Amino acid sequence: MELKLSDYAPAQIYHLMTQTIIPRPIAWVLTENMALNKEERNYNLAPFSYFSAVSSNPPLLMISVGLKEGNTDKDTTVNCQSGSKAVVHIAADNQYQQVTQSAATLAYGESELDTADKEMQKLNDQLVAFDGFPLPRLQHCPVAFGCSVFEIQKIGNTPQTLIFFKIESVYIDDAAVTNDNNRLTIDAKTLNPLSRLGAAQYASLGDVIEQKRPK
């Protein structure tokens, strides 16, 4: 089958892309909601599978964020415009239910971590200090990047918001790390990250194939 995208509507193209560009990593992004007459700090947590590493110098990550129904900015975008910090988590494969639940559309200031859903309540209890970083991280995610907002760009007709994060701190599960003379090796199988497929599908890592590059 050969397709010309000019024959398809944007929603059809979205479903085509997300079911063929697979697997994709998921950025599980925690940001702080601005004060809404609340005594305690309040956090937004949302997953994004339009997500990638961009560069190492500076160390940048990027997520692509759409709009809410009604064509308003999603809470993550609002928080990144208003604030400057975020924690980008890499979820483990057994967290797929919580990742999915955190994609629910809520009114601004309603935290995904403070709902009646039991799975999300578990996460709220698992927020821990991120050493040297102003926002907490989720305890059982094997990787977390403490980031500052580097740049925000609007693209396309929708428009889509590209948010670039500069990595300041990294948490990695100790069980996945080998340190050989200051050269870190990360074991992907130990991290066992969750990946996104199309529609309602996720995947675990499965087999790991090692093939060294030619010299």
C-alpha atoms as a PDB file:
ATOM      1  CA  MET A   1       0.000   0.000   0.000  1.00  0.00           C
ATOM      2  CA  GLU A   2       1.300   3.438  -0.980  1.00  0.00           C
ATOM      3  CA  LEU A   3      -0.354   6.542   0.412  1.00  0.00           C
ATOM      4  CA  LYS A   4      -0.218  10.242  -0.474  1.00  0.00           C
ATOM      5  CA  LEU A   5      -0.677  12.262   2.672  1.00  0.00           C
ATOM      6  CA  SER A   6      -2.230  15.111   0.703  1.00  0.00           C
ATOM      7  CA  ASP A   7      -5.313  12.864   0.404  1.00  0.00           C
ATOM      8  CA  TYR A   8      -5.728  12.566   4.193  1.00  0.00           C
ATOM      9  CA  ALA A   9      -7.020  14.789   6.980  1.00  0.00           C
ATOM     10  CA  PRO A  10      -4.680  15.766   9.859  1.00  0.00           C
ATOM     11  CA  ALA A  11      -6.383  13.350  12.280  1.00  0.00           C
ATOM     12  CA  GLN A  12      -5.923  10.491   9.826  1.00  0.00           C
ATOM     13  CA  ILE A  13      -2.269  11.415   9.363  1.00  0.00           C
ATOM     14  CA  TYR A  14      -1.800  11.462  13.141  1.00  0.00           C
ATOM     15  CA  HIS A  15      -3.135   7.916  13.496  1.00  0.00           C
ATOM     16  CA  LEU A  16      -1.047   6.751  10.546  1.00  0.00           C
ATOM     17  CA  MET A  17       2.159   8.234  11.963  1.00  0.00           C
ATOM     18  CA  THR A  18       1.631   6.986  15.507  1.00  0.00           C
ATOM     19  CA  GLN A  19       0.968   3.444  14.291  1.00  0.00           C
ATOM     20  CA  THR A  20       3.981   3.282  11.977  1.00  0.00           C
ATOM     21  CA  ILE A  21       6.698   5.272  13.777  1.00  0.00           C
ATOM     22  CA  ILE A  22       7.073   2.609  16.449  1.00  0.00           C
ATOM     23  CA  PRO A  23       8.158   2.000  19.094  1.00  0.00           C
ATOM     24  CA  ARG A  24       8.450   5.486  20.555  1.00  0.00           C
ATOM     25  CA  PRO A  25       9.813   6.486  23.968  1.00  0.00           C
ATOM     26  CA  ILE A  26       7.437   8.202  26.376  1.00  0.00           C
ATOM     27  CA  ALA A  27       8.297  11.406  28.201  1.00  0.00           C
ATOM     28  CA  TRP A  28       6.353  11.367  31.473  1.00  0.00           C
ATOM     29  CA  VAL A  29       6.613  15.035  32.371  1.00  0.00           C
ATOM     30  CA  LEU A  30       6.087  16.530  35.801  1.00  0.00           C
ATOM     31  CA  THR A  31       5.688  20.310  36.039  1.00  0.00           C
ATOM     32  CA  GLU A  32       4.427  22.580  38.793  1.00  0.00           C
ATOM     33  CA  ASN A  33       1.018  24.209  38.464  1.00  0.00           C
ATOM     34  CA  MET A  34       0.986  27.875  39.299  1.00  0.00           C
ATOM     35  CA  ALA A  35      -0.508  28.848  42.665  1.00  0.00           C
ATOM     36  CA  LEU A  36      -4.310  28.612  42.713  1.00  0.00           C
ATOM     37  CA  ASN A  37      -4.930  29.604  46.337  1.00  0.00           C
ATOM     38  CA  LYS A  38      -3.619  26.220  47.429  1.00  0.00           C
ATOM     39  CA  GLU A  39      -1.494  25.823  50.529  1.00  0.00           C
ATOM     40  CA  GLU A  40       0.465  22.875  49.146  1.00  0.00           C
ATOM     41  CA  ARG A  41       2.495  22.660  45.955  1.00  0.00           C
ATOM     42  CA  ASN A  42       0.511  21.188  43.091  1.00  0.00           C
ATOM     43  CA  TYR A  43       1.923  19.199  40.171  1.00  0.00           C
ATOM     44  CA  ASN A  44       0.851  18.260  36.675  1.00  0.00           C
ATOM     45  CA  LEU A  45       1.914  14.880  35.276  1.00  0.00           C
ATOM     46  CA  ALA A  46       1.383  14.021  31.625  1.00  0.00           C
ATOM     47  CA  PRO A  47       2.786  11.565  29.034  1.00  0.00           C
ATOM     48  CA  PHE A  48       4.082  12.556  25.592  1.00  0.00           C
ATOM     49  CA  SER A  49       5.168  10.102  22.921  1.00  0.00           C
ATOM     50  CA  TYR A  50       6.249  12.736  20.403  1.00  0.00           C
ATOM     51  CA  PHE A  51       9.534  12.865  22.289  1.00  0.00           C
ATOM     52  CA  SER A  52      13.230  12.613  21.501  1.00  0.00           C
ATOM     53  CA  ALA A  53      16.771  13.508  22.453  1.00  0.00           C
ATOM     54  CA  VAL A  54      17.970  16.444  20.354  1.00  0.00           C
ATOM     55  CA  SER A  55      21.614  17.143  21.181  1.00  0.00           C
ATOM     56  CA  SER A  56      24.346  16.449  23.733  1.00  0.00           C
ATOM     57  CA  ASN A  57      25.994  19.881  23.734  1.00  0.00           C
ATOM     58  CA  PRO A  58      23.855  21.405  25.081  1.00  0.00           C
ATOM     59  CA  PRO A  59      22.050  18.307  26.437  1.00  0.00           C
ATOM     60  CA  LEU A  60      18.532  18.809  25.073  1.00  0.00           C
ATOM     61  CA  LEU A  61      15.314  16.824  25.026  1.00  0.00           C
ATOM     62  CA  MET A  62      12.200  17.818  23.087  1.00  0.00           C
ATOM     63  CA  ILE A  63       8.506  17.044  23.389  1.00  0.00           C
ATOM     64  CA  SER A  64       5.774  18.012  20.949  1.00  0.00           C
ATOM     65  CA  VAL A  65       2.525  19.053  22.630  1.00  0.00           C
ATOM     66  CA  GLY A  66      -0.884  19.410  21.001  1.00  0.00           C
ATOM     67  CA  LEU A  67      -3.890  21.370  22.241  1.00  0.00           C
ATOM     68  CA  LYS A  68      -6.750  20.535  24.567  1.00  0.00           C
ATOM     69  CA  GLU A  69     -10.276  20.318  23.222  1.00  0.00           C
ATOM     70  CA  GLY A  70     -11.338  23.893  22.606  1.00  0.00           C
ATOM     71  CA  ASN A  71      -7.892  24.707  21.188  1.00  0.00           C
ATOM     72  CA  THR A  72      -6.355  25.820  24.455  1.00  0.00           C
ATOM     73  CA  ASP A  73      -2.821  25.003  25.575  1.00  0.00           C
ATOM     74  CA  LYS A  74      -2.300  21.847  27.597  1.00  0.00           C
ATOM     75  CA  ASP A  75      -1.272  22.314  31.211  1.00  0.00           C
ATOM     76  CA  THR A  76       2.307  21.224  30.544  1.00  0.00           C
ATOM     77  CA  THR A  77       2.666  23.996  27.961  1.00  0.00           C
ATOM     78  CA  VAL A  78       1.136  26.551  30.315  1.00  0.00           C
ATOM     79  CA  ASN A  79       3.485  25.540  33.126  1.00  0.00           C
ATOM     80  CA  CYS A  80       6.549  25.615  30.892  1.00  0.00           C
ATOM     81  CA  GLN A  81       5.662  29.109  29.744  1.00  0.00           C
ATOM     82  CA  SER A  82       5.044  30.299  33.288  1.00  0.00           C
ATOM     83  CA  GLY A  83       7.806  28.404  35.045  1.00  0.00           C
ATOM     84  CA  SER A  84      11.208  27.096  34.119  1.00  0.00           C
ATOM     85  CA  LYS A  85      11.645  23.581  35.510  1.00  0.00           C
ATOM     86  CA  ALA A  86      10.354  20.101  34.655  1.00  0.00           C
ATOM     87  CA  VAL A  87      11.173  16.495  35.423  1.00  0.00           C
ATOM     88  CA  VAL A  88      11.081  14.180  32.415  1.00  0.00           C
ATOM     89  CA  HIS A  89      10.670  10.573  33.533  1.00  0.00           C
ATOM     90  CA  ILE A  90      11.193   7.353  31.618  1.00  0.00           C
ATOM     91  CA  ALA A  91       8.507   4.989  32.898  1.00  0.00           C
ATOM     92  CA  ALA A  92       9.038   1.285  33.496  1.00  0.00           C
ATOM     93  CA  ASP A  93       6.927  -1.140  31.486  1.00  0.00           C
ATOM     94  CA  ASN A  94       4.784  -2.082  34.494  1.00  0.00           C
ATOM     95  CA  GLN A  95       3.608   1.527  34.853  1.00  0.00           C
ATOM     96  CA  TYR A  96       1.511   1.537  31.662  1.00  0.00           C
ATOM     97  CA  GLN A  97      -1.798   1.889  33.546  1.00  0.00           C
ATOM     98  CA  GLN A  98      -0.589   4.920  35.461  1.00  0.00           C
ATOM     99  CA  VAL A  99       0.914   6.479  32.332  1.00  0.00           C
ATOM    100  CA  THR A 100      -2.408   6.043  30.530  1.00  0.00           C
ATOM    101  CA  GLN A 101      -4.440   7.421  33.430  1.00  0.00           C
ATOM    102  CA  SER A 102      -2.240  10.516  33.599  1.00  0.00           C
ATOM    103  CA  ALA A 103      -3.301  11.402  30.039  1.00  0.00           C
ATOM    104  CA  ALA A 104      -6.818  12.307  31.242  1.00  0.00           C
ATOM    105  CA  THR A 105      -7.931  15.862  30.489  1.00  0.00           C
ATOM    106  CA  LEU A 106      -8.393  17.844  33.702  1.00  0.00           C
ATOM    107  CA  ALA A 107      -9.087  21.482  34.452  1.00  0.00           C
ATOM    108  CA  TYR A 108      -5.968  23.534  35.053  1.00  0.00           C
ATOM    109  CA  GLY A 109      -4.735  23.097  38.606  1.00  0.00           C
ATOM    110  CA  GLU A 110      -6.361  19.690  39.097  1.00  0.00           C
ATOM    111  CA  SER A 111      -3.398  17.405  39.638  1.00  0.00           C
ATOM    112  CA  GLU A 112      -3.289  13.943  38.098  1.00  0.00           C
ATOM    113  CA  LEU A 113      -1.526  12.919  41.295  1.00  0.00           C
ATOM    114  CA  ASP A 114      -4.412  14.041  43.501  1.00  0.00           C
ATOM    115  CA  THR A 115      -7.436  12.188  42.129  1.00  0.00           C
ATOM    116  CA  ALA A 116      -9.742   9.414  43.270  1.00  0.00           C
ATOM    117  CA  ASP A 117      -7.959   6.949  40.989  1.00  0.00           C
ATOM    118  CA  LYS A 118      -6.094   4.428  43.139  1.00  0.00           C
ATOM    119  CA  GLU A 119      -3.228   3.993  40.670  1.00  0.00           C
ATOM    120  CA  MET A 120      -2.553   7.732  40.645  1.00  0.00           C
ATOM    121  CA  GLN A 121      -2.820   7.946  44.435  1.00  0.00           C
ATOM    122  CA  LYS A 122      -0.008   5.409  44.593  1.00  0.00           C
ATOM    123  CA  LEU A 123       2.142   7.752  42.512  1.00  0.00           C
ATOM    124  CA  ASN A 124       1.344  10.713  44.734  1.00  0.00           C
ATOM    125  CA  ASP A 125       2.682   8.701  47.678  1.00  0.00           C
ATOM    126  CA  GLN A 126       5.831   7.938  45.690  1.00  0.00           C
ATOM    127  CA  LEU A 127       7.028  11.495  45.072  1.00  0.00           C
ATOM    128  CA  VAL A 128      10.547  11.821  46.457  1.00  0.00           C
ATOM    129  CA  ALA A 129      13.102  14.595  46.593  1.00  0.00           C
ATOM    130  CA  PHE A 130      15.291  14.934  43.504  1.00  0.00           C
ATOM    131  CA  ASP A 131      18.652  15.717  45.068  1.00  0.00           C
ATOM    132  CA  GLY A 132      19.740  19.245  44.162  1.00  0.00           C
ATOM    133  CA  PHE A 133      16.690  19.916  41.989  1.00  0.00           C
ATOM    134  CA  PRO A 134      13.652  22.028  42.987  1.00  0.00           C
ATOM    135  CA  LEU A 135      10.977  19.568  41.809  1.00  0.00           C
ATOM    136  CA  PRO A 136      10.395  16.025  43.069  1.00  0.00           C
ATOM    137  CA  ARG A 137      10.585  12.874  40.967  1.00  0.00           C
ATOM    138  CA  LEU A 138       8.539   9.679  40.846  1.00  0.00           C
ATOM    139  CA  GLN A 139      10.334   7.133  42.996  1.00  0.00           C
ATOM    140  CA  HIS A 140       9.821   4.029  40.866  1.00  0.00           C
ATOM    141  CA  CYS A 141      10.703   5.439  37.449  1.00  0.00           C
ATOM    142  CA  PRO A 142      14.118   4.065  36.504  1.00  0.00           C
ATOM    143  CA  VAL A 143      15.235   7.315  34.837  1.00  0.00           C
ATOM    144  CA  ALA A 144      14.416  10.952  35.559  1.00  0.00           C
ATOM    145  CA  PHE A 145      15.857  14.088  33.975  1.00  0.00           C
ATOM    146  CA  GLY A 146      15.754  17.326  35.946  1.00  0.00           C
ATOM    147  CA  CYS A 147      15.399  19.987  33.277  1.00  0.00           C
ATOM    148  CA  SER A 148      15.017  23.689  32.652  1.00  0.00           C
ATOM    149  CA  VAL A 149      12.969  25.020  29.749  1.00  0.00           C
ATOM    150  CA  PHE A 150      15.430  25.949  27.009  1.00  0.00           C
ATOM    151  CA  GLU A 151      13.134  27.116  24.206  1.00  0.00           C
ATOM    152  CA  ILE A 152       9.506  26.930  23.062  1.00  0.00           C
ATOM    153  CA  GLN A 153       8.403  26.998  19.423  1.00  0.00           C
ATOM    154  CA  LYS A 154       4.982  26.897  17.776  1.00  0.00           C
ATOM    155  CA  ILE A 155       4.776  25.057  14.457  1.00  0.00           C
ATOM    156  CA  GLY A 156       2.132  23.948  11.976  1.00  0.00           C
ATOM    157  CA  ASN A 157      -1.469  24.901  11.404  1.00  0.00           C
ATOM    158  CA  THR A 158      -2.840  23.415  14.635  1.00  0.00           C
ATOM    159  CA  PRO A 159      -0.401  24.725  16.069  1.00  0.00           C
ATOM    160  CA  GLN A 160       1.831  22.180  17.795  1.00  0.00           C
ATOM    161  CA  THR A 161       4.124  23.351  20.599  1.00  0.00           C
ATOM    162  CA  LEU A 162       7.726  22.147  20.650  1.00  0.00           C
ATOM    163  CA  ILE A 163       9.250  22.401  24.118  1.00  0.00           C
ATOM    164  CA  PHE A 164      13.013  21.997  24.393  1.00  0.00           C
ATOM    165  CA  PHE A 165      14.364  21.004  27.813  1.00  0.00           C
ATOM    166  CA  LYS A 166      17.978  21.404  28.903  1.00  0.00           C
ATOM    167  CA  ILE A 167      19.026  18.547  31.184  1.00  0.00           C
ATOM    168  CA  GLU A 168      20.556  19.697  34.465  1.00  0.00           C
ATOM    169  CA  SER A 169      20.407  16.533  36.593  1.00  0.00           C
ATOM    170  CA  VAL A 170      19.852  12.848  35.907  1.00  0.00           C
ATOM    171  CA  TYR A 171      18.606  10.075  38.182  1.00  0.00           C
ATOM    172  CA  ILE A 172      19.258   6.490  37.061  1.00  0.00           C
ATOM    173  CA  ASP A 173      18.376   3.343  38.994  1.00  0.00           C
ATOM    174  CA  ASP A 174      21.654   2.131  40.517  1.00  0.00           C
ATOM    175  CA  ALA A 175      20.835  -1.460  39.552  1.00  0.00           C
ATOM    176  CA  ALA A 176      21.104  -0.517  35.868  1.00  0.00           C
ATOM    177  CA  VAL A 177      24.461   1.298  36.055  1.00  0.00           C
ATOM    178  CA  THR A 178      28.003  -0.017  35.709  1.00  0.00           C
ATOM    179  CA  ASN A 179      30.819   2.463  36.263  1.00  0.00           C
ATOM    180  CA  ASP A 180      34.108   1.440  34.662  1.00  0.00           C
ATOM    181  CA  ASN A 181      36.756   4.150  35.125  1.00  0.00           C
ATOM    182  CA  ASN A 182      34.098   6.903  34.931  1.00  0.00           C
ATOM    183  CA  ARG A 183      32.567   5.408  31.786  1.00  0.00           C
ATOM    184  CA  LEU A 184      28.943   4.647  32.576  1.00  0.00           C
ATOM    185  CA  THR A 185      27.196   1.702  30.964  1.00  0.00           C
ATOM    186  CA  ILE A 186      23.413   1.545  31.349  1.00  0.00           C
ATOM    187  CA  ASP A 187      21.706  -1.841  31.089  1.00  0.00           C
ATOM    188  CA  ALA A 188      18.549  -1.373  29.038  1.00  0.00           C
ATOM    189  CA  LYS A 189      16.987  -4.642  30.178  1.00  0.00           C
ATOM    190  CA  THR A 190      17.251  -3.570  33.823  1.00  0.00           C
ATOM    191  CA  LEU A 191      15.608  -0.234  33.021  1.00  0.00           C
ATOM    192  CA  ASN A 192      12.896  -2.105  31.096  1.00  0.00           C
ATOM    193  CA  PRO A 193      11.315   1.096  29.725  1.00  0.00           C
ATOM    194  CA  LEU A 194       7.743   1.377  28.506  1.00  0.00           C
ATOM    195  CA  SER A 195       7.367   2.182  24.814  1.00  0.00           C
ATOM    196  CA  ARG A 196       4.408   3.548  22.871  1.00  0.00           C
ATOM    197  CA  LEU A 197       2.833   1.919  19.852  1.00  0.00           C
ATOM    198  CA  GLY A 198      -0.301   3.027  18.005  1.00  0.00           C
ATOM    199  CA  ALA A 199      -3.885   3.322  19.257  1.00  0.00           C
ATOM    200  CA  ALA A 200      -4.135   1.838  22.789  1.00  0.00           C
ATOM    201  CA  GLN A 201      -1.022  -0.309  22.509  1.00  0.00           C
ATOM    202  CA  TYR A 202       2.224  -0.263  24.495  1.00  0.00           C
ATOM    203  CA  ALA A 203       5.225  -2.572  24.437  1.00  0.00           C
ATOM    204  CA  SER A 204       7.978  -3.735  26.739  1.00  0.00           C
ATOM    205  CA  LEU A 205      11.570  -3.894  25.601  1.00  0.00           C
ATOM    206  CA  GLY A 206      11.654  -7.540  24.517  1.00  0.00           C
ATOM    207  CA  ASP A 207      14.907  -8.930  23.114  1.00  0.00           C
ATOM    208  CA  VAL A 208      17.993  -6.720  23.120  1.00  0.00           C
ATOM    209  CA  ILE A 209      20.245  -7.116  20.078  1.00  0.00           C
ATOM    210  CA  GLU A 210      23.873  -6.040  20.364  1.00  0.00           C
ATOM    211  CA  GLN A 211      25.809  -5.257  17.196  1.00  0.00           C
ATOM    212  CA  LYS A 212      28.989  -3.175  17.363  1.00  0.00           C
ATOM    213  CA  ARG A 213      29.700  -0.549  14.720  1.00  0.00           C
ATOM    214  CA  PRO A 214      32.591  -1.086  12.309  1.00  0.00           C
ATOM    215  CA  LYS A 215      35.791   0.739  13.162  1.00  0.00           C
END
